[in-house]
C-alpha atoms as a PDB file:
ATOM      1  CA  MET A   1     104.540  79.742 169.241  1.00  0.00           C
ATOM      2  CA  ILE A   2     103.139  77.372 166.624  1.00  0.00           C
ATOM      3  CA  TYR A   3     103.741  73.632 166.716  1.00  0.00           C
ATOM      4  CA  VAL A   4     103.300  71.908 163.346  1.00  0.00           C
ATOM      5  CA  ILE A   5     102.323  68.248 163.717  1.00  0.00           C
ATOM      6  CA  ILE A   6     102.667  65.943 160.703  1.00  0.00           C
ATOM      7  CA  PRO A   7     101.894  62.182 160.815  1.00  0.00           C
ATOM      8  CA  VAL A   8     103.853  60.192 158.214  1.00  0.00           C
ATOM      9  CA  HIS A   9     104.169  56.589 157.082  1.00  0.00           C
ATOM     10  CA  ASN A  10     106.235  55.311 154.138  1.00  0.00           C
ATOM     11  CA  ARG A  11     105.815  58.343 151.881  1.00  0.00           C
ATOM     12  CA  VAL A  12     109.331  59.692 152.028  1.00  0.00           C
ATOM     13  CA  HIS A  13     109.127  61.797 148.853  1.00  0.00           C
ATOM     14  CA  LEU A  14     105.840  63.416 149.876  1.00  0.00           C
ATOM     15  CA  THR A  15     107.188  64.079 153.361  1.00  0.00           C
ATOM     16  CA  GLU A  16     110.263  65.727 151.875  1.00  0.00           C
ATOM     17  CA  GLN A  17     108.149  67.987 149.644  1.00  0.00           C
ATOM     18  CA  CYS A  18     105.969  69.001 152.566  1.00  0.00           C
ATOM     19  CA  LEU A  19     108.907  69.818 154.839  1.00  0.00           C
ATOM     20  CA  LEU A  20     110.625  71.798 152.081  1.00  0.00           C
ATOM     21  CA  SER A  21     107.537  73.980 151.702  1.00  0.00           C
ATOM     22  CA  LEU A  22     107.539  74.650 155.442  1.00  0.00           C
ATOM     23  CA  LYS A  23     111.202  75.546 155.287  1.00  0.00           C
ATOM     24  CA  ARG A  24     110.356  78.305 152.778  1.00  0.00           C
ATOM     25  CA  GLN A  25     107.795  80.008 155.027  1.00  0.00           C
ATOM     26  CA  GLU A  26     108.083  83.753 155.503  1.00  0.00           C
ATOM     27  CA  PHE A  27     107.047  83.297 159.146  1.00  0.00           C
ATOM     28  CA  ASP A  28     109.499  81.041 160.961  1.00  0.00           C
ATOM     29  CA  ASN A  29     108.492  81.042 164.623  1.00  0.00           C
ATOM     30  CA  PHE A  30     107.279  77.466 164.620  1.00  0.00           C
ATOM     31  CA  GLU A  31     108.501  73.998 165.512  1.00  0.00           C
ATOM     32  CA  VAL A  32     107.868  70.999 163.276  1.00  0.00           C
ATOM     33  CA  ILE A  33     107.068  67.655 164.888  1.00  0.00           C
ATOM     34  CA  VAL A  34     106.858  64.589 162.661  1.00  0.00           C
ATOM     35  CA  ILE A  35     105.278  61.400 163.956  1.00  0.00           C
ATOM     36  CA  ASP A  36     106.886  58.604 161.955  1.00  0.00           C
ATOM     37  CA  ASP A  37     104.581  55.645 162.419  1.00  0.00           C
ATOM     38  CA  GLY A  38     106.923  52.781 161.616  1.00  0.00           C
ATOM     39  CA  SER A  39     108.159  53.868 158.176  1.00  0.00           C
ATOM     40  CA  THR A  40     110.538  51.466 156.420  1.00  0.00           C
ATOM     41  CA  ASP A  41     111.385  53.593 153.378  1.00  0.00           C
ATOM     42  CA  GLY A  42     114.110  55.779 154.882  1.00  0.00           C
ATOM     43  CA  THR A  43     111.796  58.563 156.052  1.00  0.00           C
ATOM     44  CA  ARG A  44     113.576  59.002 159.387  1.00  0.00           C
ATOM     45  CA  ASP A  45     117.052  59.106 157.806  1.00  0.00           C
ATOM     46  CA  MET A  46     115.889  61.636 155.219  1.00  0.00           C
ATOM     47  CA  ILE A  47     114.454  63.940 157.880  1.00  0.00           C
ATOM     48  CA  MET A  48     117.535  63.710 160.090  1.00  0.00           C
ATOM     49  CA  SER A  49     119.789  64.455 157.129  1.00  0.00           C
ATOM     50  CA  ARG A  50     117.847  67.214 155.377  1.00  0.00           C
ATOM     51  CA  PHE A  51     115.802  68.734 158.221  1.00  0.00           C
ATOM     52  CA  PRO A  52     117.848  68.365 161.427  1.00  0.00           C
ATOM     53  CA  ARG A  53     115.678  70.852 163.337  1.00  0.00           C
ATOM     54  CA  VAL A  54     112.559  68.713 162.920  1.00  0.00           C
ATOM     55  CA  ARG A  55     111.559  66.743 166.001  1.00  0.00           C
ATOM     56  CA  ILE A  56     110.776  63.083 165.243  1.00  0.00           C
ATOM     57  CA  LEU A  57     108.464  60.981 167.392  1.00  0.00           C
ATOM     58  CA  GLU A  58     108.222  57.285 166.575  1.00  0.00           C
ATOM     59  CA  GLY A  59     105.225  54.985 166.428  1.00  0.00           C
ATOM     60  CA  ASP A  60     105.027  51.245 165.901  1.00  0.00           C
ATOM     61  CA  GLY A  61     102.998  51.295 162.678  1.00  0.00           C
ATOM     62  CA  ASN A  62      99.608  50.987 164.404  1.00  0.00           C
ATOM     63  CA  LEU A  63      98.840  54.589 165.295  1.00  0.00           C
ATOM     64  CA  TRP A  64      96.984  55.570 162.131  1.00  0.00           C
ATOM     65  CA  TRP A  65      96.057  59.215 161.671  1.00  0.00           C
ATOM     66  CA  ALA A  66      94.276  59.930 164.952  1.00  0.00           C
ATOM     67  CA  GLY A  67      96.774  58.031 167.096  1.00  0.00           C
ATOM     68  CA  ALA A  68      99.728  59.745 165.447  1.00  0.00           C
ATOM     69  CA  MET A  69      98.146  63.168 165.866  1.00  0.00           C
ATOM     70  CA  ASN A  70      97.419  62.444 169.515  1.00  0.00           C
ATOM     71  CA  MET A  71     101.037  61.455 170.121  1.00  0.00           C
ATOM     72  CA  GLY A  72     102.125  64.809 168.726  1.00  0.00           C
ATOM     73  CA  VAL A  73      99.482  66.790 170.590  1.00  0.00           C
ATOM     74  CA  GLU A  74     100.316  65.109 173.917  1.00  0.00           C
ATOM     75  CA  TYR A  75     103.990  65.909 173.359  1.00  0.00           C
ATOM     76  CA  VAL A  76     103.169  69.579 172.741  1.00  0.00           C
ATOM     77  CA  LEU A  77     100.754  69.939 175.651  1.00  0.00           C
ATOM     78  CA  LYS A  78     103.498  69.071 178.130  1.00  0.00           C
ATOM     79  CA  THR A  79     105.252  72.404 177.548  1.00  0.00           C
ATOM     80  CA  ALA A  80     102.988  74.621 175.425  1.00  0.00           C
ATOM     81  CA  LYS A  81     101.589  77.864 176.744  1.00  0.00           C
ATOM     82  CA  GLN A  82      97.879  78.589 176.659  1.00  0.00           C
ATOM     83  CA  GLU A  83      98.336  81.188 173.900  1.00  0.00           C
ATOM     84  CA  ASP A  84     100.221  78.798 171.598  1.00  0.00           C
ATOM     85  CA  TYR A  85      98.805  77.025 168.541  1.00  0.00           C
ATOM     86  CA  ILE A  86      98.990  73.600 166.942  1.00  0.00           C
ATOM     87  CA  LEU A  87      98.969  73.386 163.156  1.00  0.00           C
ATOM     88  CA  THR A  88      97.837  69.967 161.934  1.00  0.00           C
ATOM     89  CA  LEU A  89      99.192  69.051 158.528  1.00  0.00           C
ATOM     90  CA  ASN A  90      99.273  65.997 156.278  1.00  0.00           C
ATOM     91  CA  ASP A  91     102.443  64.982 154.458  1.00  0.00           C
ATOM     92  CA  ASP A  92     100.673  64.810 151.072  1.00  0.00           C
ATOM     93  CA  THR A  93     100.447  68.608 150.993  1.00  0.00           C
ATOM     94  CA  VAL A  94     102.655  71.516 149.925  1.00  0.00           C
ATOM     95  CA  VAL A  95     101.943  74.882 151.530  1.00  0.00           C
ATOM     96  CA  HIS A  96     102.170  78.401 150.084  1.00  0.00           C
ATOM     97  CA  HIS A  97     105.092  80.505 151.311  1.00  0.00           C
ATOM     98  CA  ASP A  98     102.795  82.703 153.462  1.00  0.00           C
ATOM     99  CA  PHE A  99     100.561  79.850 154.644  1.00  0.00           C
ATOM    100  CA  VAL A 100     101.466  79.909 158.338  1.00  0.00           C
ATOM    101  CA  GLN A 101     101.405  83.705 158.492  1.00  0.00           C
ATOM    102  CA  ARG A 102      97.930  83.866 156.952  1.00  0.00           C
ATOM    103  CA  LEU A 103      96.493  81.402 159.447  1.00  0.00           C
ATOM    104  CA  LEU A 104      98.100  83.167 162.386  1.00  0.00           C
ATOM    105  CA  VAL A 105      96.722  86.574 161.353  1.00  0.00           C
ATOM    106  CA  SER A 106      93.225  85.130 161.055  1.00  0.00           C
ATOM    107  CA  ALA A 107      93.529  83.364 164.403  1.00  0.00           C
ATOM    108  CA  SER A 108      94.610  86.588 166.109  1.00  0.00           C
ATOM    109  CA  MET A 109      91.533  88.348 164.714  1.00  0.00           C
ATOM    110  CA  HIS A 110      89.176  85.523 165.670  1.00  0.00           C
ATOM    111  CA  PRO A 111      89.986  84.250 169.159  1.00  0.00           C
ATOM    112  CA  ARG A 112      88.458  80.952 170.211  1.00  0.00           C
ATOM    113  CA  SER A 113      88.359  79.804 166.600  1.00  0.00           C
ATOM    114  CA  ILE A 114      89.731  76.881 164.628  1.00  0.00           C
ATOM    115  CA  ILE A 115      91.037  78.086 161.276  1.00  0.00           C
ATOM    116  CA  GLY A 116      91.188  75.706 158.321  1.00  0.00           C
ATOM    117  CA  SER A 117      92.707  76.330 154.897  1.00  0.00           C
ATOM    118  CA  ILE A 118      91.753  76.028 151.244  1.00  0.00           C
ATOM    119  CA  CYS A 119      93.212  72.967 149.520  1.00  0.00           C
ATOM    120  CA  LEU A 120      93.900  73.023 145.781  1.00  0.00           C
ATOM    121  CA  SER A 121      94.791  70.140 143.519  1.00  0.00           C
ATOM    122  CA  TYR A 122      98.544  69.592 143.315  1.00  0.00           C
ATOM    123  CA  GLU A 123      98.070  68.148 139.841  1.00  0.00           C
ATOM    124  CA  ASP A 124      96.741  71.296 138.152  1.00  0.00           C
ATOM    125  CA  GLU A 125      97.506  73.800 140.956  1.00  0.00           C
ATOM    126  CA  THR A 126      94.278  75.778 140.442  1.00  0.00           C
ATOM    127  CA  THR A 127      91.257  73.566 141.170  1.00  0.00           C
ATOM    128  CA  VAL A 128      89.726  73.562 144.645  1.00  0.00           C
ATOM    129  CA  PHE A 129      89.166  70.087 146.038  1.00  0.00           C
ATOM    130  CA  GLU A 130      88.457  70.982 149.646  1.00  0.00           C
ATOM    131  CA  GLY A 131      87.261  74.157 151.313  1.00  0.00           C
ATOM    132  CA  ALA A 132      84.213  74.865 153.423  1.00  0.00           C
ATOM    133  CA  VAL A 133      81.779  71.992 153.996  1.00  0.00           C
ATOM    134  CA  TYR A 134      78.188  72.042 155.140  1.00  0.00           C
ATOM    135  CA  VAL A 135      75.888  69.225 156.191  1.00  0.00           C
ATOM    136  CA  ASN A 136      72.139  68.869 156.486  1.00  0.00           C
ATOM    137  CA  TRP A 137      71.771  67.235 159.902  1.00  0.00           C
ATOM    138  CA  LEU A 138      68.478  65.632 158.922  1.00  0.00           C
ATOM    139  CA  THR A 139      69.271  64.176 155.496  1.00  0.00           C
ATOM    140  CA  ALA A 140      73.055  63.751 155.877  1.00  0.00           C
ATOM    141  CA  LYS A 141      73.632  65.616 152.632  1.00  0.00           C
ATOM    142  CA  TYR A 142      77.118  67.117 152.502  1.00  0.00           C
ATOM    143  CA  HIS A 143      77.705  70.226 150.432  1.00  0.00           C
ATOM    144  CA  TYR A 144      81.155  71.275 149.234  1.00  0.00           C
ATOM    145  CA  PRO A 145      80.334  74.554 147.449  1.00  0.00           C
ATOM    146  CA  ASP A 146      83.789  75.212 146.013  1.00  0.00           C
ATOM    147  CA  THR A 147      85.068  71.720 145.178  1.00  0.00           C
ATOM    148  CA  GLY A 148      85.893  71.375 141.491  1.00  0.00           C
ATOM    149  CA  LYS A 149      85.889  75.120 140.843  1.00  0.00           C
ATOM    150  CA  ALA A 150      88.835  77.252 139.810  1.00  0.00           C
ATOM    151  CA  TYR A 151      90.317  78.978 142.858  1.00  0.00           C
ATOM    152  CA  ALA A 152      90.514  82.321 141.034  1.00  0.00           C
ATOM    153  CA  ASP A 153      86.811  82.143 140.153  1.00  0.00           C
ATOM    154  CA  VAL A 154      85.897  81.349 143.757  1.00  0.00           C
ATOM    155  CA  MET A 155      87.856  84.319 145.015  1.00  0.00           C
ATOM    156  CA  ARG A 156      86.292  86.666 142.440  1.00  0.00           C
ATOM    157  CA  SER A 157      82.698  85.564 142.770  1.00  0.00           C
ATOM    158  CA  ARG A 158      82.165  84.783 146.435  1.00  0.00           C
ATOM    159  CA  PHE A 159      84.475  86.954 148.494  1.00  0.00           C
ATOM    160  CA  THR A 160      85.574  90.504 149.141  1.00  0.00           C
ATOM    161  CA  SER A 161      88.663  91.626 151.026  1.00  0.00           C
ATOM    162  CA  CYS A 162      86.575  91.639 154.214  1.00  0.00           C
ATOM    163  CA  THR A 163      84.950  88.230 153.863  1.00  0.00           C
ATOM    164  CA  LEU A 164      87.783  85.852 153.086  1.00  0.00           C
ATOM    165  CA  LEU A 165      87.000  83.684 156.092  1.00  0.00           C
ATOM    166  CA  GLN A 166      84.081  81.349 155.582  1.00  0.00           C
ATOM    167  CA  ARG A 167      82.103  79.497 158.243  1.00  0.00           C
ATOM    168  CA  SER A 168      82.182  75.698 157.951  1.00  0.00           C
ATOM    169  CA  ASP A 169      80.364  72.840 159.688  1.00  0.00           C
ATOM    170  CA  PHE A 170      83.589  70.816 159.851  1.00  0.00           C
ATOM    171  CA  VAL A 171      87.296  71.503 159.531  1.00  0.00           C
ATOM    172  CA  SER A 172      89.680  68.834 158.289  1.00  0.00           C
ATOM    173  CA  GLY A 173      93.096  68.036 159.740  1.00  0.00           C
ATOM    174  CA  ARG A 174      94.781  68.952 156.468  1.00  0.00           C
ATOM    175  CA  GLY A 175      96.290  72.344 157.260  1.00  0.00           C
ATOM    176  CA  THR A 176      94.344  73.602 160.288  1.00  0.00           C
ATOM    177  CA  LEU A 177      95.432  75.993 163.040  1.00  0.00           C
ATOM    178  CA  ILE A 178      94.040  75.032 166.441  1.00  0.00           C
ATOM    179  CA  PRO A 179      94.583  76.904 169.721  1.00  0.00           C
ATOM    180  CA  VAL A 180      96.354  74.800 172.337  1.00  0.00           C
ATOM    181  CA  GLU A 181      93.558  75.706 174.717  1.00  0.00           C
ATOM    182  CA  ALA A 182      91.072  73.924 172.429  1.00  0.00           C
ATOM    183  CA  PHE A 183      92.745  70.560 173.034  1.00  0.00           C
ATOM    184  CA  ARG A 184      92.754  71.244 176.760  1.00  0.00           C
ATOM    185  CA  ASP A 185      89.056  72.178 176.634  1.00  0.00           C
ATOM    186  CA  VAL A 186      87.804  69.580 174.154  1.00  0.00           C
ATOM    187  CA  GLY A 187      90.219  66.679 174.497  1.00  0.00           C
ATOM    188  CA  LEU A 188      92.235  64.776 171.913  1.00  0.00           C
ATOM    189  CA  TYR A 189      91.185  63.127 168.660  1.00  0.00           C
ATOM    190  CA  ASN A 190      88.935  60.099 169.175  1.00  0.00           C
ATOM    191  CA  HIS A 191      91.454  57.400 168.304  1.00  0.00           C
ATOM    192  CA  GLU A 192      89.446  54.599 169.895  1.00  0.00           C
ATOM    193  CA  ASP A 193      86.287  55.104 167.836  1.00  0.00           C
ATOM    194  CA  LEU A 194      87.686  56.802 164.718  1.00  0.00           C
ATOM    195  CA  PRO A 195      91.321  55.758 164.306  1.00  0.00           C
ATOM    196  CA  HIS A 196      91.739  57.066 160.772  1.00  0.00           C
ATOM    197  CA  HIS A 197      89.017  58.751 158.721  1.00  0.00           C
ATOM    198  CA  GLY A 198      86.540  61.109 160.359  1.00  0.00           C
ATOM    199  CA  ALA A 199      88.545  61.875 163.487  1.00  0.00           C
ATOM    200  CA  ASP A 200      89.344  65.415 162.330  1.00  0.00           C
ATOM    201  CA  TYR A 201      85.710  66.223 161.498  1.00  0.00           C
ATOM    202  CA  GLU A 202      84.502  64.727 164.786  1.00  0.00           C
ATOM    203  CA  PHE A 203      87.041  66.776 166.773  1.00  0.00           C
ATOM    204  CA  SER A 204      85.982  69.999 165.065  1.00  0.00           C
ATOM    205  CA  ARG A 205      82.336  69.158 165.770  1.00  0.00           C
ATOM    206  CA  ARG A 206      83.117  68.688 169.479  1.00  0.00           C
ATOM    207  CA  ALA A 207      85.007  71.972 169.489  1.00  0.00           C
ATOM    208  CA  PHE A 208      82.075  73.774 167.872  1.00  0.00           C
ATOM    209  CA  LEU A 209      79.730  72.440 170.554  1.00  0.00           C
ATOM    210  CA  LYS A 210      82.205  73.799 173.137  1.00  0.00           C
ATOM    211  CA  GLY A 211      81.908  77.277 171.638  1.00  0.00           C
ATOM    212  CA  TYR A 212      84.759  77.369 169.116  1.00  0.00           C
ATOM    213  CA  GLU A 213      84.055  78.946 165.735  1.00  0.00           C
ATOM    214  CA  LEU A 214      84.978  76.865 162.672  1.00  0.00           C
ATOM    215  CA  LEU A 215      86.374  78.965 159.822  1.00  0.00           C
ATOM    216  CA  ILE A 216      88.118  78.407 156.490  1.00  0.00           C
ATOM    217  CA  ASP A 217      90.667  81.035 155.458  1.00  0.00           C
ATOM    218  CA  TYR A 218      90.594  81.223 151.669  1.00  0.00           C
ATOM    219  CA  ARG A 219      93.882  83.134 151.637  1.00  0.00           C
ATOM    220  CA  ALA A 220      95.715  80.264 153.355  1.00  0.00           C
ATOM    221  CA  VAL A 221      96.503  78.021 150.394  1.00  0.00           C
ATOM    222  CA  LEU A 222      97.982  74.554 150.225  1.00  0.00           C
ATOM    223  CA  TRP A 223      98.127  71.978 147.468  1.00  0.00           C
ATOM    224  CA  GLY A 224      97.175  68.355 148.043  1.00  0.00           C
ATOM    225  CA  HIS A 225      98.006  65.213 146.092  1.00  0.00           C
ATOM    226  CA  VAL A 226      94.521  63.988 145.188  1.00  0.00           C
ATOM    227  CA  GLU A 227      95.646  60.436 144.444  1.00  0.00           C
ATOM    228  CA  PHE A 228      96.922  60.012 148.006  1.00  0.00           C
ATOM    229  CA  SER A 229      93.967  61.562 149.799  1.00  0.00           C
ATOM    230  CA  GLY A 230      90.787  60.117 151.254  1.00  0.00           C
ATOM    231  CA  ILE A 231      88.845  62.554 149.080  1.00  0.00           C
ATOM    232  CA  LYS A 232      89.610  60.471 146.027  1.00  0.00           C
ATOM    233  CA  SER A 233      88.447  57.352 147.845  1.00  0.00           C
ATOM    234  CA  ARG A 234      85.050  58.922 148.474  1.00  0.00           C
ATOM    235  CA  LYS A 235      84.315  58.920 144.740  1.00  0.00           C
ATOM    236  CA  MET A 236      84.717  55.156 144.446  1.00  0.00           C
ATOM    237  CA  LYS A 237      84.664  54.729 140.683  1.00  0.00           C
ATOM    238  CA  SER A 238      87.330  52.068 140.498  1.00  0.00           C
ATOM    239  CA  GLY A 239      85.272  48.903 139.947  1.00  0.00           C
ATOM    240  CA  TRP A 240      82.591  46.818 141.621  1.00  0.00           C
ATOM    241  CA  LEU A 241      84.923  44.733 143.793  1.00  0.00           C
ATOM    242  CA  ALA A 242      86.742  47.828 145.031  1.00  0.00           C
ATOM    243  CA  LEU A 243      83.372  49.411 145.776  1.00  0.00           C
ATOM    244  CA  LEU A 244      82.278  46.442 147.881  1.00  0.00           C
ATOM    245  CA  LYS A 245      85.587  46.292 149.739  1.00  0.00           C
ATOM    246  CA  SER A 246      85.451  50.001 150.507  1.00  0.00           C
ATOM    247  CA  PHE A 247      82.404  49.501 152.723  1.00  0.00           C
ATOM    248  CA  PHE A 248      84.446  47.319 155.089  1.00  0.00           C
ATOM    249  CA  SER A 249      88.043  48.467 154.619  1.00  0.00           C
ATOM    250  CA  PHE A 250      89.709  50.033 157.645  1.00  0.00           C
ATOM    251  CA  LYS A 251      91.472  52.498 155.343  1.00  0.00           C
ATOM    252  CA  SER A 252      88.355  53.638 153.475  1.00  0.00           C
ATOM    253  CA  PRO A 253      86.230  56.675 154.385  1.00  0.00           C
ATOM    254  CA  ASN A 254      83.268  54.623 153.106  1.00  0.00           C
ATOM    255  CA  ASN A 255      83.604  52.083 155.948  1.00  0.00           C
ATOM    256  CA  LEU A 256      80.043  51.517 157.180  1.00  0.00           C
ATOM    257  CA  LYS A 257      81.039  50.822 160.783  1.00  0.00           C
ATOM    258  CA  TYR A 258      82.964  54.054 161.175  1.00  0.00           C
ATOM    259  CA  ARG A 259      80.253  56.055 159.427  1.00  0.00           C
ATOM    260  CA  LEU A 260      77.791  54.739 162.019  1.00  0.00           C
ATOM    261  CA  ILE A 261      80.130  55.755 164.840  1.00  0.00           C
ATOM    262  CA  PHE A 262      80.608  59.173 163.258  1.00  0.00           C
ATOM    263  CA  ALA A 263      76.831  59.631 162.984  1.00  0.00           C
ATOM    264  CA  ARG A 264      76.354  58.684 166.627  1.00  0.00           C
ATOM    265  CA  LEU A 265      79.044  61.110 167.786  1.00  0.00           C
ATOM    266  CA  CYS A 266      78.185  64.081 165.577  1.00  0.00           C
ATOM    267  CA  SER A 267      74.490  64.120 164.681  1.00  0.00           C
ATOM    268  CA  VAL A 268      72.064  66.332 166.614  1.00  0.00           C
ATOM    269  CA  ASP A 269      69.014  65.719 168.803  1.00  0.00           C
ATOM    270  CA  GLY A 270      69.550  61.972 169.021  1.00  0.00           C
ATOM    271  CA  ARG A 271      68.643  61.460 165.359  1.00  0.00           C
ATOM    272  CA  PHE A 272      71.805  59.595 164.505  1.00  0.00           C
ATOM    273  CA  LEU A 273      70.014  56.520 163.107  1.00  0.00           C
ATOM    274  CA  LEU A 274      68.099  58.645 160.608  1.00  0.00           C
ATOM    275  CA  PHE A 275      71.287  60.518 159.769  1.00  0.00           C
ATOM    276  CA  TYR A 276      73.151  57.221 159.291  1.00  0.00           C
ATOM    277  CA  VAL A 277      70.461  55.642 157.099  1.00  0.00           C
ATOM    278  CA  CYS A 278      70.365  58.733 154.885  1.00  0.00           C
ATOM    279  CA  ASP A 279      74.159  58.851 154.790  1.00  0.00           C
ATOM    280  CA  VAL A 280      74.508  55.194 153.764  1.00  0.00           C
ATOM    281  CA  CYS A 281      71.770  55.480 151.150  1.00  0.00           C
ATOM    282  CA  ARG A 282      73.481  58.484 149.598  1.00  0.00           C
ATOM    283  CA  LEU A 283      76.839  56.732 149.727  1.00  0.00           C
ATOM    284  CA  ILE A 284      75.674  53.497 148.097  1.00  0.00           C
ATOM    285  CA  ILE A 285      73.455  55.098 145.475  1.00  0.00           C
ATOM    286  CA  GLY A 286      76.144  57.592 144.525  1.00  0.00           C
ATOM    287  CA  ALA A 287      78.794  54.886 144.282  1.00  0.00           C
ATOM    288  CA  LEU A 288      76.527  52.608 142.212  1.00  0.00           C
ATOM    289  CA  VAL A 289      75.671  55.418 139.823  1.00  0.00           C
ATOM    290  CA  GLY A 290      79.337  56.353 139.454  1.00  0.00           C
ATOM    291  CA  ASN A 291      80.451  52.776 138.792  1.00  0.00           C
ATOM    292  CA  THR A 292      77.596  52.184 136.347  1.00  0.00           C
ATOM    293  CA  ARG A 293      78.595  55.245 134.331  1.00  0.00           C
ATOM    294  CA  VAL A 294      82.196  54.066 134.202  1.00  0.00           C
ATOM    295  CA  PHE A 295      81.043  50.591 133.150  1.00  0.00           C
ATOM    296  CA  LEU A 296      78.830  51.923 130.347  1.00  0.00           C
ATOM    297  CA  ARG A 297      81.572  54.200 129.028  1.00  0.00           C
ATOM    298  CA  GLY A 298      83.990  51.279 128.991  1.00  0.00           C
END
């Protein structure tokens, strides 16, 4: 059995698109659980009317991503069997009709693994904006080898029919199949320290250290709305004031406090201060360069 957990908040049209894509899946042995964290835009009524089989759990508007996911995971763990899976999904995505089936096949071939998916841009439907990710644990340099490339080119140049699963240093919560046993072994998402951004990466890092393999299945395709994702926020080319605010905003992946916490939790050999300094330097320099280019072009 697969339990699909989707946190939502005031994005009724995106939620509807996401649920419609799940409804069209070729594989249908799964239950969808939506955590509605205090939506006021009619999300709950829409789900009850159009998707009556979807289970709705309600938050008070203060759960954020990690808290909402934990509410769903705790609900599932009460009754789930050890061989079951949890599929974490964001509501700003639309999944391919064989998405769930692809992930399940890969999981059955790779026990004790967490299987992520390849995310393409919803806007042009062909460009990769998140796949495998690698990090240099000394210099905090992140490498996204496929981001910005055409999906067809990636599939032709880097993979054969036997190598369509790629190792990754982290796996995001956007379309990831996780064995129920992993949550029982590793624990929940770290809502206290990382309530929003970074909680998915930190969980996958903990799981890796517990012996779980982190893989990206390049056949499991979903499309993400770039303008609603944290990935767009990382680029930070929207003006000097927005850049400054992003370093302190609770909602921003650039938040310096949470990047320090992430470094402390995930870096190796106690070198988290070096990792953090390198990370912040890369973040600030990259953002300054990006904003300067935009300013000069304007």
